[in-house]
Amino acid sequence: MNWNTPNRPDIDLSFTNEQIDSVPRQGPADDAIAALIIEMVDQTMKLNLDNLREELSEYGAWDSEELSDNNANIERWIWISVYDTRENRE
């Protein structure tokens, strides 16, 4: 298992190597992320959505209206976490 570690255990996710490798390094990753959301439903149901929103707001890429969409935030977080975890793994 590979973990992303944002210093907030209540938004931490774990990935298998296969899950990480299922997300393309370049180009659109929407389908791969959608598949991971389904695979990872047990983990995503445990995320503290308020803390996730706060973490994502620190990136400065989304406004408060965009960050009010919890489903989109989960997608964003999986995408960010996969790439961070891949980078840390290599």
C-alpha atoms as a PDB file:
ATOM      1  CA  MET A   1       0.000   0.000   0.000  1.00  0.00           C
ATOM      2  CA  ASN A   2       1.104   3.517  -0.776  1.00  0.00           C
ATOM      3  CA  TRP A   3      -0.206   6.437   1.269  1.00  0.00           C
ATOM      4  CA  ASN A   4      -0.487  10.096   0.575  1.00  0.00           C
ATOM      5  CA  THR A   5       0.332  11.982   3.764  1.00  0.00           C
ATOM      6  CA  PRO A   6      -1.106  15.486   3.936  1.00  0.00           C
ATOM      7  CA  ASN A   7      -0.452  15.680   7.706  1.00  0.00           C
ATOM      8  CA  ARG A   8      -4.197  15.217   8.161  1.00  0.00           C
ATOM      9  CA  PRO A   9      -5.026  11.560   8.826  1.00  0.00           C
ATOM     10  CA  ASP A  10      -8.742  12.230   8.357  1.00  0.00           C
ATOM     11  CA  ILE A  11      -8.183  12.911   4.642  1.00  0.00           C
ATOM     12  CA  ASP A  12      -5.409  10.405   3.997  1.00  0.00           C
ATOM     13  CA  LEU A  13      -5.907   7.851   1.210  1.00  0.00           C
ATOM     14  CA  SER A  14      -4.079   4.640   0.424  1.00  0.00           C
ATOM     15  CA  PHE A  15      -3.441   3.260  -3.054  1.00  0.00           C
ATOM     16  CA  THR A  16      -2.173   0.004  -4.435  1.00  0.00           C
ATOM     17  CA  ASN A  17       0.528   0.184  -7.079  1.00  0.00           C
ATOM     18  CA  GLU A  18      -2.066  -0.989  -9.600  1.00  0.00           C
ATOM     19  CA  GLN A  19      -4.371   1.905  -8.707  1.00  0.00           C
ATOM     20  CA  ILE A  20      -1.560   4.416  -9.075  1.00  0.00           C
ATOM     21  CA  ASP A  21      -0.507   2.922 -12.389  1.00  0.00           C
ATOM     22  CA  SER A  22      -4.094   2.974 -13.683  1.00  0.00           C
ATOM     23  CA  VAL A  23      -3.980   6.776 -13.868  1.00  0.00           C
ATOM     24  CA  PRO A  24      -2.213   8.040 -16.977  1.00  0.00           C
ATOM     25  CA  ARG A  25       0.881  10.160 -16.521  1.00  0.00           C
ATOM     26  CA  GLN A  26      -0.231  12.471 -19.326  1.00  0.00           C
ATOM     27  CA  GLY A  27      -3.499  13.403 -20.948  1.00  0.00           C
ATOM     28  CA  PRO A  28      -7.010  13.084 -19.590  1.00  0.00           C
ATOM     29  CA  ALA A  29      -7.379  11.056 -16.419  1.00  0.00           C
ATOM     30  CA  ASP A  30     -11.126  11.496 -15.877  1.00  0.00           C
ATOM     31  CA  ASP A  31     -12.066   7.872 -16.612  1.00  0.00           C
ATOM     32  CA  ALA A  32      -9.301   6.486 -14.408  1.00  0.00           C
ATOM     33  CA  ILE A  33     -10.259   8.790 -11.534  1.00  0.00           C
ATOM     34  CA  ALA A  34     -13.941   7.854 -11.930  1.00  0.00           C
ATOM     35  CA  ALA A  35     -12.983   4.176 -11.672  1.00  0.00           C
ATOM     36  CA  LEU A  36     -10.918   4.853  -8.549  1.00  0.00           C
ATOM     37  CA  ILE A  37     -13.809   6.684  -6.908  1.00  0.00           C
ATOM     38  CA  ILE A  38     -15.886   3.531  -7.238  1.00  0.00           C
ATOM     39  CA  GLU A  39     -13.040   1.287  -6.042  1.00  0.00           C
ATOM     40  CA  MET A  40     -12.249   3.520  -3.099  1.00  0.00           C
ATOM     41  CA  VAL A  41     -15.760   4.239  -1.852  1.00  0.00           C
ATOM     42  CA  ASP A  42     -14.968   2.790   1.599  1.00  0.00           C
ATOM     43  CA  GLN A  43     -12.088   5.230   1.995  1.00  0.00           C
ATOM     44  CA  THR A  44     -13.844   8.251   0.517  1.00  0.00           C
ATOM     45  CA  MET A  45     -16.855   7.759   2.799  1.00  0.00           C
ATOM     46  CA  LYS A  46     -14.489   8.243   5.769  1.00  0.00           C
ATOM     47  CA  LEU A  47     -12.980  11.516   4.544  1.00  0.00           C
ATOM     48  CA  ASN A  48     -13.617  14.547   6.713  1.00  0.00           C
ATOM     49  CA  LEU A  49     -15.184  16.728   4.025  1.00  0.00           C
ATOM     50  CA  ASP A  50     -14.697  19.985   5.930  1.00  0.00           C
ATOM     51  CA  ASN A  51     -10.981  19.330   6.338  1.00  0.00           C
ATOM     52  CA  LEU A  52     -10.757  18.199   2.722  1.00  0.00           C
ATOM     53  CA  ARG A  53     -12.338  21.479   1.595  1.00  0.00           C
ATOM     54  CA  GLU A  54      -9.864  23.393   3.766  1.00  0.00           C
ATOM     55  CA  GLU A  55      -6.901  21.430   2.358  1.00  0.00           C
ATOM     56  CA  LEU A  56      -8.022  22.022  -1.225  1.00  0.00           C
ATOM     57  CA  SER A  57      -8.594  25.717  -0.573  1.00  0.00           C
ATOM     58  CA  GLU A  58      -4.896  26.026   0.267  1.00  0.00           C
ATOM     59  CA  TYR A  59      -4.074  25.138  -3.347  1.00  0.00           C
ATOM     60  CA  GLY A  60      -5.810  28.355  -4.442  1.00  0.00           C
ATOM     61  CA  ALA A  61      -7.148  26.717  -7.608  1.00  0.00           C
ATOM     62  CA  TRP A  62     -10.858  26.717  -6.735  1.00  0.00           C
ATOM     63  CA  ASP A  63     -13.210  29.350  -5.372  1.00  0.00           C
ATOM     64  CA  SER A  64     -15.595  28.777  -2.450  1.00  0.00           C
ATOM     65  CA  GLU A  65     -18.504  27.931  -4.750  1.00  0.00           C
ATOM     66  CA  GLU A  66     -16.472  25.224  -6.505  1.00  0.00           C
ATOM     67  CA  LEU A  67     -15.266  23.886  -3.157  1.00  0.00           C
ATOM     68  CA  SER A  68     -18.861  23.507  -1.946  1.00  0.00           C
ATOM     69  CA  ASP A  69     -19.224  20.467  -4.259  1.00  0.00           C
ATOM     70  CA  ASN A  70     -18.136  17.515  -2.110  1.00  0.00           C
ATOM     71  CA  ASN A  71     -18.173  15.027  -4.988  1.00  0.00           C
ATOM     72  CA  ALA A  72     -15.922  17.247  -7.082  1.00  0.00           C
ATOM     73  CA  ASN A  73     -13.633  17.696  -4.066  1.00  0.00           C
ATOM     74  CA  ILE A  74     -13.284  13.928  -3.717  1.00  0.00           C
ATOM     75  CA  GLU A  75     -12.390  13.687  -7.421  1.00  0.00           C
ATOM     76  CA  ARG A  76      -9.865  16.492  -7.030  1.00  0.00           C
ATOM     77  CA  TRP A  77      -8.359  14.870  -3.949  1.00  0.00           C
ATOM     78  CA  ILE A  78      -7.991  11.451  -5.540  1.00  0.00           C
ATOM     79  CA  TRP A  79      -6.340  13.039  -8.586  1.00  0.00           C
ATOM     80  CA  ILE A  80      -3.909  15.078  -6.455  1.00  0.00           C
ATOM     81  CA  SER A  81      -3.224  12.164  -4.125  1.00  0.00           C
ATOM     82  CA  VAL A  82      -2.487   9.687  -6.901  1.00  0.00           C
ATOM     83  CA  TYR A  83       0.060  11.991  -8.491  1.00  0.00           C
ATOM     84  CA  ASP A  84       1.644  12.913  -5.149  1.00  0.00           C
ATOM     85  CA  THR A  85       1.820   9.269  -4.103  1.00  0.00           C
ATOM     86  CA  ARG A  86       3.298   8.261  -7.460  1.00  0.00           C
ATOM     87  CA  GLU A  87       5.949  10.964  -7.158  1.00  0.00           C
ATOM     88  CA  ASN A  88       6.833   9.875  -3.609  1.00  0.00           C
ATOM     89  CA  ARG A  89       6.953   6.223  -4.667  1.00  0.00           C
ATOM     90  CA  GLU A  90       9.469   6.944  -7.423  1.00  0.00           C
END
